C-alpha cells in the first residue's frame, strides 16, 4: 500500500470516528500546507482540505462543524421571561 493510500485510509477512519461519536458532522480536514501541496488533494470524502501552518507535516486535524468560526451560522440572543403558572379551578 502506498503512503498516499495509507494517509487517505487514516483520514477516512478519523472522519468516521468523529461522525460516529459527535452529533455535529466533520466539516473540514486541515493539514500542513506542504502536505496539501504534495498530495494535491482539494477534498477528501466531500470535505475540503484546508492548509494550516500550525499543523506539523505528517499530521492532520478533523474539524467539527461545531468548531467553525461561525461561518454560515446564525447567532441569536435568547431573552427569557418568567412564566406564571395557573392551576385550574376545581368546583
C-alpha atoms as a PDB file:
ATOM      1  CA  UNK A   1       0.000   0.000   0.000  1.00  0.00           C
ATOM      2  CA  UNK A   2       1.397   3.414  -0.962  1.00  0.00           C
ATOM      3  CA  UNK A   3       1.994   6.221   1.539  1.00  0.00           C
ATOM      4  CA  UNK A   4      -0.779   8.233  -0.126  1.00  0.00           C
ATOM      5  CA  UNK A   5      -3.241   5.361   0.273  1.00  0.00           C
ATOM      6  CA  UNK A   6      -2.257   4.956   3.939  1.00  0.00           C
ATOM      7  CA  UNK A   7      -2.827   8.680   4.523  1.00  0.00           C
ATOM      8  CA  UNK A   8      -6.223   8.531   2.858  1.00  0.00           C
ATOM      9  CA  UNK A   9      -7.197   5.484   4.912  1.00  0.00           C
ATOM     10  CA  UNK A  10      -6.119   7.126   8.197  1.00  0.00           C
ATOM     11  CA  UNK A  11      -8.005  10.341   7.402  1.00  0.00           C
ATOM     12  CA  UNK A  12     -11.097   8.405   6.317  1.00  0.00           C
ATOM     13  CA  UNK A  13     -11.085   6.422   9.576  1.00  0.00           C
ATOM     14  CA  UNK A  14     -10.720   9.643  11.587  1.00  0.00           C
ATOM     15  CA  UNK A  15     -13.706  11.178   9.767  1.00  0.00           C
ATOM     16  CA  UNK A  16     -15.771   8.053  10.501  1.00  0.00           C
ATOM     17  CA  UNK A  17     -14.727   8.071  14.152  1.00  0.00           C
ATOM     18  CA  UNK A  18     -15.643  11.739  14.535  1.00  0.00           C
ATOM     19  CA  UNK A  19     -19.011  11.344  12.833  1.00  0.00           C
ATOM     20  CA  UNK A  20     -19.910   8.291  14.922  1.00  0.00           C
ATOM     21  CA  UNK A  21     -19.046   9.928  18.250  1.00  0.00           C
ATOM     22  CA  UNK A  22     -20.238  13.527  17.732  1.00  0.00           C
ATOM     23  CA  UNK A  23     -23.716  14.864  16.905  1.00  0.00           C
ATOM     24  CA  UNK A  24     -22.068  17.515  14.690  1.00  0.00           C
ATOM     25  CA  UNK A  25     -20.561  16.257  11.420  1.00  0.00           C
ATOM     26  CA  UNK A  26     -16.960  16.750  10.360  1.00  0.00           C
ATOM     27  CA  UNK A  27     -16.633  19.978   8.350  1.00  0.00           C
ATOM     28  CA  UNK A  28     -13.072  20.010   7.017  1.00  0.00           C
ATOM     29  CA  UNK A  29      -9.673  18.345   7.092  1.00  0.00           C
ATOM     30  CA  UNK A  30      -6.714  20.550   7.997  1.00  0.00           C
ATOM     31  CA  UNK A  31      -3.180  19.668   7.012  1.00  0.00           C
ATOM     32  CA  UNK A  32       0.207  21.361   6.788  1.00  0.00           C
ATOM     33  CA  UNK A  33       0.381  23.453   3.572  1.00  0.00           C
ATOM     34  CA  UNK A  34       3.378  21.398   2.379  1.00  0.00           C
ATOM     35  CA  UNK A  35       1.345  18.188   2.710  1.00  0.00           C
ATOM     36  CA  UNK A  36      -1.659  19.717   0.925  1.00  0.00           C
ATOM     37  CA  UNK A  37       0.560  20.772  -1.976  1.00  0.00           C
ATOM     38  CA  UNK A  38       2.437  17.458  -2.066  1.00  0.00           C
ATOM     39  CA  UNK A  39      -0.716  15.338  -2.070  1.00  0.00           C
ATOM     40  CA  UNK A  40      -2.701  17.673  -4.305  1.00  0.00           C
ATOM     41  CA  UNK A  41      -5.987  16.922  -2.579  1.00  0.00           C
ATOM     42  CA  UNK A  42      -8.731  19.556  -2.603  1.00  0.00           C
ATOM     43  CA  UNK A  43     -11.363  17.368  -0.930  1.00  0.00           C
ATOM     44  CA  UNK A  44     -11.477  14.109   0.986  1.00  0.00           C
ATOM     45  CA  UNK A  45     -14.864  12.367   1.080  1.00  0.00           C
ATOM     46  CA  UNK A  46     -16.569  15.643   0.268  1.00  0.00           C
ATOM     47  CA  UNK A  47     -14.786  17.626   2.988  1.00  0.00           C
ATOM     48  CA  UNK A  48     -12.485  20.486   1.955  1.00  0.00           C
ATOM     49  CA  UNK A  49      -8.778  20.092   2.652  1.00  0.00           C
ATOM     50  CA  UNK A  50      -7.608  23.335   4.277  1.00  0.00           C
ATOM     51  CA  UNK A  51      -3.909  24.277   4.602  1.00  0.00           C
ATOM     52  CA  UNK A  52      -2.958  25.096   8.200  1.00  0.00           C
ATOM     53  CA  UNK A  53       0.650  26.056   9.019  1.00  0.00           C
ATOM     54  CA  UNK A  54       0.075  25.245  12.708  1.00  0.00           C
ATOM     55  CA  UNK A  55      -0.187  21.535  11.910  1.00  0.00           C
ATOM     56  CA  UNK A  56       3.076  19.632  11.538  1.00  0.00           C
ATOM     57  CA  UNK A  57       3.934  17.617   8.464  1.00  0.00           C
ATOM     58  CA  UNK A  58       2.615  14.077   8.527  1.00  0.00           C
ATOM     59  CA  UNK A  59      -0.333  15.112  10.711  1.00  0.00           C
ATOM     60  CA  UNK A  60      -3.906  16.224  10.080  1.00  0.00           C
ATOM     61  CA  UNK A  61      -6.887  17.515  12.027  1.00  0.00           C
ATOM     62  CA  UNK A  62     -10.562  16.799  11.519  1.00  0.00           C
ATOM     63  CA  UNK A  63     -12.528  19.986  12.252  1.00  0.00           C
ATOM     64  CA  UNK A  64     -16.018  19.629  13.697  1.00  0.00           C
ATOM     65  CA  UNK A  65     -18.772  21.764  12.178  1.00  0.00           C
ATOM     66  CA  UNK A  66     -19.475  23.000  15.716  1.00  0.00           C
ATOM     67  CA  UNK A  67     -15.951  24.471  15.916  1.00  0.00           C
ATOM     68  CA  UNK A  68     -16.057  26.599  12.781  1.00  0.00           C
ATOM     69  CA  UNK A  69     -15.790  30.354  13.286  1.00  0.00           C
ATOM     70  CA  UNK A  70     -19.496  30.967  12.832  1.00  0.00           C
ATOM     71  CA  UNK A  71     -19.320  30.522   9.053  1.00  0.00           C
ATOM     72  CA  UNK A  72     -22.909  30.347   7.913  1.00  0.00           C
ATOM     73  CA  UNK A  73     -24.232  30.052  11.446  1.00  0.00           C
ATOM     74  CA  UNK A  74     -26.806  32.477  12.754  1.00  0.00           C
ATOM     75  CA  UNK A  75     -26.200  33.573  16.322  1.00  0.00           C
ATOM     76  CA  UNK A  76     -29.264  34.758  18.206  1.00  0.00           C
ATOM     77  CA  UNK A  77     -29.511  36.063  21.720  1.00  0.00           C
ATOM     78  CA  UNK A  78     -32.344  34.445  23.624  1.00  0.00           C
ATOM     79  CA  UNK A  79     -34.308  36.565  26.067  1.00  0.00           C
ATOM     80  CA  UNK A  80     -36.374  34.740  28.623  1.00  0.00           C
ATOM     81  CA  UNK A  81     -39.098  35.841  30.977  1.00  0.00           C
ATOM     82  CA  UNK A  82     -40.716  34.216  33.958  1.00  0.00           C
ATOM     83  CA  UNK A  83     -43.915  32.372  33.267  1.00  0.00           C
ATOM     84  CA  UNK A  84     -46.811  32.454  35.688  1.00  0.00           C
ATOM     85  CA  UNK A  85     -48.270  29.012  36.297  1.00  0.00           C
ATOM     86  CA  UNK A  86     -52.022  28.903  36.791  1.00  0.00           C
ATOM     87  CA  UNK A  87     -53.777  25.858  38.213  1.00  0.00           C
ATOM     88  CA  UNK A  88     -57.318  25.030  37.046  1.00  0.00           C
ATOM     89  CA  UNK A  89     -60.115  25.820  39.476  1.00  0.00           C
ATOM     90  CA  UNK A  90     -61.964  22.790  40.788  1.00  0.00           C
ATOM     91  CA  UNK A  91     -65.645  23.165  41.760  1.00  0.00           C
END
